């Protein structure tokens, strides 16, 4: 995809966190937050847009977003693939 890179750590340079789910399965947002390791990472996903200069969110999306974007050859809107709701 356009400039996509993986990151070994969750920081302000991360734009998306991909999470796996089975078809039709929805994961509880509090479980997703806890799976992000420490408190710093959880706060970055939940509140990071408040301190980011451009108000950018870290989008927590199901893997379907990446799979379908690759299949179509362009980046799809994340909103229908969101695993963690925005504030």
PDB file of N, CA and C in Angstrom:
ATOM      1  N   UNK A   1       0.861  -1.173   0.000  1.00  0.00           N
ATOM      2  CA  UNK A   1       0.000   0.000   0.000  1.00  0.00           C
ATOM      3  C   UNK A   1       0.898   1.222   0.000  1.00  0.00           C
ATOM      4  N   UNK A   2       0.310   2.335  -0.105  1.00  0.00           N
ATOM      5  CA  UNK A   2       1.030   3.592  -0.231  1.00  0.00           C
ATOM      6  C   UNK A   2       1.806   3.896   1.043  1.00  0.00           C
ATOM      7  N   UNK A   3       3.109   3.621   1.030  1.00  0.00           N
ATOM      8  CA  UNK A   3       3.975   3.977   2.145  1.00  0.00           C
ATOM      9  C   UNK A   3       3.745   3.207   3.426  1.00  0.00           C
ATOM     10  N   UNK A   4       3.019   2.120   3.399  1.00  0.00           N
ATOM     11  CA  UNK A   4       2.739   1.365   4.614  1.00  0.00           C
ATOM     12  C   UNK A   4       4.012   0.716   5.152  1.00  0.00           C
ATOM     13  N   UNK A   5       4.175   0.789   6.488  1.00  0.00           N
ATOM     14  CA  UNK A   5       5.296   0.156   7.172  1.00  0.00           C
ATOM     15  C   UNK A   5       4.769  -0.459   8.460  1.00  0.00           C
ATOM     16  N   UNK A   6       5.454  -1.481   8.922  1.00  0.00           N
ATOM     17  CA  UNK A   6       5.114  -2.026  10.230  1.00  0.00           C
ATOM     18  C   UNK A   6       5.980  -1.342  11.280  1.00  0.00           C
ATOM     19  N   UNK A   7       5.517  -1.392  12.511  1.00  0.00           N
ATOM     20  CA  UNK A   7       6.247  -0.762  13.598  1.00  0.00           C
ATOM     21  C   UNK A   7       6.353  -1.732  14.761  1.00  0.00           C
ATOM     22  N   UNK A   8       7.539  -1.841  15.368  1.00  0.00           N
ATOM     23  CA  UNK A   8       7.687  -2.736  16.515  1.00  0.00           C
ATOM     24  C   UNK A   8       7.102  -2.153  17.804  1.00  0.00           C
ATOM     25  N   UNK A   9       6.752  -0.863  17.787  1.00  0.00           N
ATOM     26  CA  UNK A   9       6.185  -0.250  18.988  1.00  0.00           C
ATOM     27  C   UNK A   9       5.049   0.692  18.605  1.00  0.00           C
ATOM     28  N   UNK A  10       4.175   0.911  19.550  1.00  0.00           N
ATOM     29  CA  UNK A  10       3.044   1.800  19.355  1.00  0.00           C
ATOM     30  C   UNK A  10       3.441   3.190  19.836  1.00  0.00           C
ATOM     31  N   UNK A  11       3.543   4.127  18.889  1.00  0.00           N
ATOM     32  CA  UNK A  11       3.887   5.499  19.236  1.00  0.00           C
ATOM     33  C   UNK A  11       3.109   6.457  18.337  1.00  0.00           C
ATOM     34  N   UNK A  12       3.413   7.742  18.404  1.00  0.00           N
ATOM     35  CA  UNK A  12       2.643   8.747  17.661  1.00  0.00           C
ATOM     36  C   UNK A  12       2.809   8.645  16.150  1.00  0.00           C
ATOM     37  N   UNK A  13       3.763   7.864  15.665  1.00  0.00           N
ATOM     38  CA  UNK A  13       3.943   7.683  14.229  1.00  0.00           C
ATOM     39  C   UNK A  13       3.035   6.601  13.654  1.00  0.00           C
ATOM     40  N   UNK A  14       2.410   5.830  14.504  1.00  0.00           N
ATOM     41  CA  UNK A  14       1.520   4.759  14.069  1.00  0.00           C
ATOM     42  C   UNK A  14       0.174   5.356  13.677  1.00  0.00           C
ATOM     43  N   UNK A  15      -0.357   4.924  12.542  1.00  0.00           N
ATOM     44  CA  UNK A  15      -1.658   5.423  12.094  1.00  0.00           C
ATOM     45  C   UNK A  15      -2.758   4.380  12.244  1.00  0.00           C
ATOM     46  N   UNK A  16      -2.384   3.091  12.196  1.00  0.00           N
ATOM     47  CA  UNK A  16      -3.369   2.020  12.283  1.00  0.00           C
ATOM     48  C   UNK A  16      -2.839   0.865  13.137  1.00  0.00           C
ATOM     49  N   UNK A  17      -3.740   0.268  13.887  1.00  0.00           N
ATOM     50  CA  UNK A  17      -3.473  -0.980  14.576  1.00  0.00           C
ATOM     51  C   UNK A  17      -4.469  -1.980  13.997  1.00  0.00           C
ATOM     52  N   UNK A  18      -3.942  -3.079  13.448  1.00  0.00           N
ATOM     53  CA  UNK A  18      -4.798  -4.119  12.880  1.00  0.00           C
ATOM     54  C   UNK A  18      -5.057  -5.180  13.931  1.00  0.00           C
ATOM     55  N   UNK A  19      -6.299  -5.616  14.023  1.00  0.00           N
ATOM     56  CA  UNK A  19      -6.637  -6.679  14.957  1.00  0.00           C
ATOM     57  C   UNK A  19      -7.439  -7.742  14.219  1.00  0.00           C
ATOM     58  N   UNK A  20      -7.162  -8.989  14.548  1.00  0.00           N
ATOM     59  CA  UNK A  20      -7.847 -10.104  13.915  1.00  0.00           C
ATOM     60  C   UNK A  20      -9.170 -10.382  14.611  1.00  0.00           C
ATOM     61  N   UNK A  21     -10.155 -10.776  13.822  1.00  0.00           N
ATOM     62  CA  UNK A  21     -11.410 -11.268  14.363  1.00  0.00           C
ATOM     63  C   UNK A  21     -11.987 -12.273  13.382  1.00  0.00           C
ATOM     64  N   UNK A  22     -12.826 -13.141  13.887  1.00  0.00           N
ATOM     65  CA  UNK A  22     -13.520 -14.099  13.027  1.00  0.00           C
ATOM     66  C   UNK A  22     -14.714 -13.396  12.388  1.00  0.00           C
ATOM     67  N   UNK A  23     -15.155 -13.838  11.222  1.00  0.00           N
ATOM     68  CA  UNK A  23     -16.316 -13.210  10.570  1.00  0.00           C
ATOM     69  C   UNK A  23     -17.516 -13.136  11.511  1.00  0.00           C
ATOM     70  N   UNK A  24     -18.102 -11.954  11.600  1.00  0.00           N
ATOM     71  CA  UNK A  24     -19.269 -11.740  12.445  1.00  0.00           C
ATOM     72  C   UNK A  24     -18.949 -11.489  13.916  1.00  0.00           C
ATOM     73  N   UNK A  25     -17.715 -11.662  14.311  1.00  0.00           N
ATOM     74  CA  UNK A  25     -17.309 -11.470  15.714  1.00  0.00           C
ATOM     75  C   UNK A  25     -16.981 -10.002  15.955  1.00  0.00           C
ATOM     76  N   UNK A  26     -17.490  -9.465  17.048  1.00  0.00           N
ATOM     77  CA  UNK A  26     -17.115  -8.123  17.467  1.00  0.00           C
ATOM     78  C   UNK A  26     -16.391  -8.240  18.800  1.00  0.00           C
ATOM     79  N   UNK A  27     -15.292  -7.535  18.907  1.00  0.00           N
ATOM     80  CA  UNK A  27     -14.497  -7.580  20.131  1.00  0.00           C
ATOM     81  C   UNK A  27     -14.861  -6.406  21.024  1.00  0.00           C
ATOM     82  N   UNK A  28     -14.888  -6.654  22.307  1.00  0.00           N
ATOM     83  CA  UNK A  28     -15.199  -5.574  23.255  1.00  0.00           C
ATOM     84  C   UNK A  28     -14.074  -4.550  23.265  1.00  0.00           C
ATOM     85  N   UNK A  29     -14.415  -3.252  23.187  1.00  0.00           N
ATOM     86  CA  UNK A  29     -13.386  -2.211  23.182  1.00  0.00           C
ATOM     87  C   UNK A  29     -12.447  -2.259  24.376  1.00  0.00           C
ATOM     88  N   UNK A  30     -12.947  -2.605  25.562  1.00  0.00           N
ATOM     89  CA  UNK A  30     -12.066  -2.659  26.728  1.00  0.00           C
ATOM     90  C   UNK A  30     -11.059  -3.806  26.599  1.00  0.00           C
ATOM     91  N   UNK A  31     -11.435  -4.905  25.952  1.00  0.00           N
ATOM     92  CA  UNK A  31     -10.482  -5.994  25.709  1.00  0.00           C
ATOM     93  C   UNK A  31      -9.407  -5.552  24.730  1.00  0.00           C
ATOM     94  N   UNK A  32      -9.824  -4.832  23.697  1.00  0.00           N
ATOM     95  CA  UNK A  32      -8.854  -4.340  22.718  1.00  0.00           C
ATOM     96  C   UNK A  32      -7.844  -3.413  23.374  1.00  0.00           C
ATOM     97  N   UNK A  33      -8.328  -2.501  24.202  1.00  0.00           N
ATOM     98  CA  UNK A  33      -7.420  -1.573  24.885  1.00  0.00           C
ATOM     99  C   UNK A  33      -6.420  -2.331  25.746  1.00  0.00           C
ATOM    100  N   UNK A  34      -6.906  -3.290  26.523  1.00  0.00           N
ATOM    101  CA  UNK A  34      -6.013  -4.054  27.395  1.00  0.00           C
ATOM    102  C   UNK A  34      -4.980  -4.854  26.618  1.00  0.00           C
ATOM    103  N   UNK A  35      -5.296  -5.235  25.396  1.00  0.00           N
ATOM    104  CA  UNK A  35      -4.360  -6.025  24.599  1.00  0.00           C
ATOM    105  C   UNK A  35      -3.206  -5.191  24.055  1.00  0.00           C
ATOM    106  N   UNK A  36      -3.271  -3.880  24.214  1.00  0.00           N
ATOM    107  CA  UNK A  36      -2.242  -2.980  23.685  1.00  0.00           C
ATOM    108  C   UNK A  36      -1.064  -2.786  24.631  1.00  0.00           C
ATOM    109  N   UNK A  37      -0.883  -3.678  25.541  1.00  0.00           N
ATOM    110  CA  UNK A  37       0.243  -3.703  26.464  1.00  0.00           C
ATOM    111  C   UNK A  37       0.022  -2.734  27.612  1.00  0.00           C
ATOM    112  N   UNK A  38       0.821  -1.694  27.682  1.00  0.00           N
ATOM    113  CA  UNK A  38       0.810  -0.832  28.861  1.00  0.00           C
ATOM    114  C   UNK A  38      -0.152   0.333  28.787  1.00  0.00           C
ATOM    115  N   UNK A  39      -0.198   1.054  29.889  1.00  0.00           N
ATOM    116  CA  UNK A  39      -1.085   2.208  30.018  1.00  0.00           C
ATOM    117  C   UNK A  39      -0.757   3.289  28.993  1.00  0.00           C
ATOM    118  N   UNK A  40       0.521   3.498  28.717  1.00  0.00           N
ATOM    119  CA  UNK A  40       0.937   4.515  27.747  1.00  0.00           C
ATOM    120  C   UNK A  40       0.337   4.238  26.367  1.00  0.00           C
ATOM    121  N   UNK A  41       0.405   2.982  25.927  1.00  0.00           N
ATOM    122  CA  UNK A  41      -0.136   2.605  24.623  1.00  0.00           C
ATOM    123  C   UNK A  41      -1.655   2.740  24.591  1.00  0.00           C
ATOM    124  N   UNK A  42      -2.290   2.366  25.674  1.00  0.00           N
ATOM    125  CA  UNK A  42      -3.746   2.485  25.748  1.00  0.00           C
ATOM    126  C   UNK A  42      -4.177   3.942  25.654  1.00  0.00           C
ATOM    127  N   UNK A  43      -3.482   4.812  26.376  1.00  0.00           N
ATOM    128  CA  UNK A  43      -3.808   6.235  26.337  1.00  0.00           C
ATOM    129  C   UNK A  43      -3.542   6.836  24.966  1.00  0.00           C
ATOM    130  N   UNK A  44      -2.499   6.373  24.296  1.00  0.00           N
ATOM    131  CA  UNK A  44      -2.179   6.877  22.964  1.00  0.00           C
ATOM    132  C   UNK A  44      -3.314   6.586  21.987  1.00  0.00           C
ATOM    133  N   UNK A  45      -3.892   5.390  22.061  1.00  0.00           N
ATOM    134  CA  UNK A  45      -5.013   5.045  21.183  1.00  0.00           C
ATOM    135  C   UNK A  45      -6.266   5.817  21.587  1.00  0.00           C
ATOM    136  N   UNK A  46      -6.506   5.926  22.885  1.00  0.00           N
ATOM    137  CA  UNK A  46      -7.752   6.537  23.357  1.00  0.00           C
ATOM    138  C   UNK A  46      -7.730   8.065  23.305  1.00  0.00           C
ATOM    139  N   UNK A  47      -6.602   8.675  23.690  1.00  0.00           N
ATOM    140  CA  UNK A  47      -6.537  10.134  23.801  1.00  0.00           C
ATOM    141  C   UNK A  47      -5.501  10.790  22.897  1.00  0.00           C
ATOM    142  N   UNK A  48      -4.760  10.011  22.128  1.00  0.00           N
ATOM    143  CA  UNK A  48      -3.650  10.540  21.346  1.00  0.00           C
ATOM    144  C   UNK A  48      -4.015  11.666  20.406  1.00  0.00           C
ATOM    145  N   UNK A  49      -5.231  11.647  19.868  1.00  0.00           N
ATOM    146  CA  UNK A  49      -5.638  12.695  18.937  1.00  0.00           C
ATOM    147  C   UNK A  49      -5.723  14.060  19.619  1.00  0.00           C
ATOM    148  N   UNK A  50      -5.884  14.080  20.927  1.00  0.00           N
ATOM    149  CA  UNK A  50      -5.990  15.354  21.642  1.00  0.00           C
ATOM    150  C   UNK A  50      -4.651  16.080  21.711  1.00  0.00           C
ATOM    151  N   UNK A  51      -3.549  15.330  21.677  1.00  0.00           N
ATOM    152  CA  UNK A  51      -2.234  15.967  21.755  1.00  0.00           C
ATOM    153  C   UNK A  51      -1.507  15.959  20.412  1.00  0.00           C
ATOM    154  N   UNK A  52      -2.040  15.273  19.421  1.00  0.00           N
ATOM    155  CA  UNK A  52      -1.412  15.253  18.103  1.00  0.00           C
ATOM    156  C   UNK A  52      -1.635  16.605  17.431  1.00  0.00           C
ATOM    157  N   UNK A  53      -0.592  17.183  16.811  1.00  0.00           N
ATOM    158  CA  UNK A  53      -0.725  18.522  16.209  1.00  0.00           C
ATOM    159  C   UNK A  53      -1.838  18.633  15.175  1.00  0.00           C
ATOM    160  N   UNK A  54      -2.160  17.538  14.489  1.00  0.00           N
ATOM    161  CA  UNK A  54      -3.210  17.571  13.477  1.00  0.00           C
ATOM    162  C   UNK A  54      -4.462  16.825  13.923  1.00  0.00           C
ATOM    163  N   UNK A  55      -4.543  16.507  15.208  1.00  0.00           N
ATOM    164  CA  UNK A  55      -5.706  15.810  15.745  1.00  0.00           C
ATOM    165  C   UNK A  55      -5.874  14.410  15.193  1.00  0.00           C
ATOM    166  N   UNK A  56      -4.784  13.786  14.768  1.00  0.00           N
ATOM    167  CA  UNK A  56      -4.834  12.475  14.128  1.00  0.00           C
ATOM    168  C   UNK A  56      -5.128  11.368  15.128  1.00  0.00           C
ATOM    169  N   UNK A  57      -5.995  10.468  14.744  1.00  0.00           N
ATOM    170  CA  UNK A  57      -6.310   9.283  15.537  1.00  0.00           C
ATOM    171  C   UNK A  57      -5.407   8.128  15.132  1.00  0.00           C
ATOM    172  N   UNK A  58      -5.236   7.186  16.046  1.00  0.00           N
ATOM    173  CA  UNK A  58      -4.701   5.878  15.692  1.00  0.00           C
ATOM    174  C   UNK A  58      -5.935   5.011  15.485  1.00  0.00           C
ATOM    175  N   UNK A  59      -6.135   4.563  14.263  1.00  0.00           N
ATOM    176  CA  UNK A  59      -7.316   3.781  13.922  1.00  0.00           C
ATOM    177  C   UNK A  59      -7.080   2.312  14.253  1.00  0.00           C
ATOM    178  N   UNK A  60      -7.915   1.759  15.126  1.00  0.00           N
ATOM    179  CA  UNK A  60      -7.859   0.339  15.449  1.00  0.00           C
ATOM    180  C   UNK A  60      -8.915  -0.331  14.578  1.00  0.00           C
ATOM    181  N   UNK A  61      -8.444  -1.096  13.601  1.00  0.00           N
ATOM    182  CA  UNK A  61      -9.340  -1.677  12.602  1.00  0.00           C
ATOM    183  C   UNK A  61      -9.171  -3.190  12.536  1.00  0.00           C
ATOM    184  N   UNK A  62     -10.244  -3.855  12.089  1.00  0.00           N
ATOM    185  CA  UNK A  62     -10.165  -5.285  11.844  1.00  0.00           C
ATOM    186  C   UNK A  62      -9.328  -5.542  10.606  1.00  0.00           C
ATOM    187  N   UNK A  63      -8.740  -6.732  10.517  1.00  0.00           N
ATOM    188  CA  UNK A  63      -7.867  -7.092   9.406  1.00  0.00           C
ATOM    189  C   UNK A  63      -8.589  -7.013   8.069  1.00  0.00           C
ATOM    190  N   UNK A  64      -9.908  -7.068   8.078  1.00  0.00           N
ATOM    191  CA  UNK A  64     -10.683  -6.989   6.834  1.00  0.00           C
ATOM    192  C   UNK A  64     -10.371  -5.711   6.062  1.00  0.00           C
ATOM    193  N   UNK A  65     -10.082  -4.627   6.784  1.00  0.00           N
ATOM    194  CA  UNK A  65      -9.767  -3.356   6.117  1.00  0.00           C
ATOM    195  C   UNK A  65      -8.551  -3.512   5.208  1.00  0.00           C
ATOM    196  N   UNK A  66      -7.505  -4.132   5.724  1.00  0.00           N
ATOM    197  CA  UNK A  66      -6.296  -4.326   4.934  1.00  0.00           C
ATOM    198  C   UNK A  66      -6.539  -5.313   3.791  1.00  0.00           C
ATOM    199  N   UNK A  67      -7.184  -6.417   4.093  1.00  0.00           N
ATOM    200  CA  UNK A  67      -7.444  -7.446   3.080  1.00  0.00           C
ATOM    201  C   UNK A  67      -8.257  -6.866   1.923  1.00  0.00           C
ATOM    202  N   UNK A  68      -9.334  -6.166   2.236  1.00  0.00           N
ATOM    203  CA  UNK A  68     -10.194  -5.608   1.189  1.00  0.00           C
ATOM    204  C   UNK A  68      -9.523  -4.454   0.450  1.00  0.00           C
ATOM    205  N   UNK A  69      -8.745  -3.642   1.156  1.00  0.00           N
ATOM    206  CA  UNK A  69      -8.005  -2.557   0.491  1.00  0.00           C
ATOM    207  C   UNK A  69      -7.008  -3.117  -0.513  1.00  0.00           C
ATOM    208  N   UNK A  70      -6.280  -4.153  -0.112  1.00  0.00           N
ATOM    209  CA  UNK A  70      -5.315  -4.772  -1.020  1.00  0.00           C
ATOM    210  C   UNK A  70      -6.021  -5.399  -2.225  1.00  0.00           C
ATOM    211  N   UNK A  71      -7.151  -6.034  -1.990  1.00  0.00           N
ATOM    212  CA  UNK A  71      -7.893  -6.680  -3.076  1.00  0.00           C
ATOM    213  C   UNK A  71      -8.404  -5.648  -4.091  1.00  0.00           C
ATOM    214  N   UNK A  72      -8.808  -4.478  -3.602  1.00  0.00           N
ATOM    215  CA  UNK A  72      -9.347  -3.441  -4.493  1.00  0.00           C
ATOM    216  C   UNK A  72      -8.267  -2.546  -5.077  1.00  0.00           C
ATOM    217  N   UNK A  73      -7.071  -2.556  -4.487  1.00  0.00           N
ATOM    218  CA  UNK A  73      -5.968  -1.768  -5.021  1.00  0.00           C
ATOM    219  C   UNK A  73      -5.935  -0.317  -4.570  1.00  0.00           C
ATOM    220  N   UNK A  74      -6.758   0.021  -3.594  1.00  0.00           N
ATOM    221  CA  UNK A  74      -6.727   1.369  -3.023  1.00  0.00           C
ATOM    222  C   UNK A  74      -7.188   1.305  -1.573  1.00  0.00           C
ATOM    223  N   UNK A  75      -6.870   2.345  -0.826  1.00  0.00           N
ATOM    224  CA  UNK A  75      -7.174   2.370   0.603  1.00  0.00           C
ATOM    225  C   UNK A  75      -8.641   2.699   0.823  1.00  0.00           C
ATOM    226  N   UNK A  76      -9.347   1.798   1.458  1.00  0.00           N
ATOM    227  CA  UNK A  76     -10.757   1.998   1.773  1.00  0.00           C
ATOM    228  C   UNK A  76     -10.913   2.854   3.029  1.00  0.00           C
ATOM    229  N   UNK A  77     -12.050   3.467   3.170  1.00  0.00           N
ATOM    230  CA  UNK A  77     -12.371   4.228   4.379  1.00  0.00           C
ATOM    231  C   UNK A  77     -12.407   3.266   5.567  1.00  0.00           C
ATOM    232  N   UNK A  78     -11.776   3.647   6.648  1.00  0.00           N
ATOM    233  CA  UNK A  78     -11.668   2.789   7.822  1.00  0.00           C
ATOM    234  C   UNK A  78     -12.960   2.654   8.611  1.00  0.00           C
ATOM    235  N   UNK A  79     -13.866   3.587   8.467  1.00  0.00           N
ATOM    236  CA  UNK A  79     -15.013   3.676   9.370  1.00  0.00           C
ATOM    237  C   UNK A  79     -15.837   2.387   9.457  1.00  0.00           C
ATOM    238  N   UNK A  80     -16.026   1.674   8.358  1.00  0.00           N
ATOM    239  CA  UNK A  80     -16.829   0.456   8.424  1.00  0.00           C
ATOM    240  C   UNK A  80     -16.040  -0.735   8.972  1.00  0.00           C
ATOM    241  N   UNK A  81     -14.745  -0.544   9.226  1.00  0.00           N
ATOM    242  CA  UNK A  81     -13.887  -1.623   9.720  1.00  0.00           C
ATOM    243  C   UNK A  81     -13.378  -1.357  11.136  1.00  0.00           C
ATOM    244  N   UNK A  82     -13.862  -0.314  11.769  1.00  0.00           N
ATOM    245  CA  UNK A  82     -13.359   0.088  13.077  1.00  0.00           C
ATOM    246  C   UNK A  82     -13.637  -0.972  14.141  1.00  0.00           C
ATOM    247  N   UNK A  83     -12.610  -1.350  14.872  1.00  0.00           N
ATOM    248  CA  UNK A  83     -12.740  -2.286  15.982  1.00  0.00           C
ATOM    249  C   UNK A  83     -12.866  -1.543  17.301  1.00  0.00           C
ATOM    250  N   UNK A  84     -12.374  -0.313  17.311  1.00  0.00           N
ATOM    251  CA  UNK A  84     -12.406   0.491  18.531  1.00  0.00           C
ATOM    252  C   UNK A  84     -13.036   1.830  18.180  1.00  0.00           C
ATOM    253  N   UNK A  85     -14.150   2.178  18.799  1.00  0.00           N
ATOM    254  CA  UNK A  85     -14.842   3.429  18.447  1.00  0.00           C
ATOM    255  C   UNK A  85     -14.047   4.661  18.851  1.00  0.00           C
ATOM    256  N   UNK A  86     -14.186   5.698  18.092  1.00  0.00           N
ATOM    257  CA  UNK A  86     -13.531   6.967  18.422  1.00  0.00           C
ATOM    258  C   UNK A  86     -14.384   7.715  19.448  1.00  0.00           C
ATOM    259  N   UNK A  87     -13.729   8.610  20.189  1.00  0.00           N
ATOM    260  CA  UNK A  87     -14.438   9.433  21.175  1.00  0.00           C
ATOM    261  C   UNK A  87     -15.473  10.305  20.506  1.00  0.00           C
TER     262      UNK A  87
END
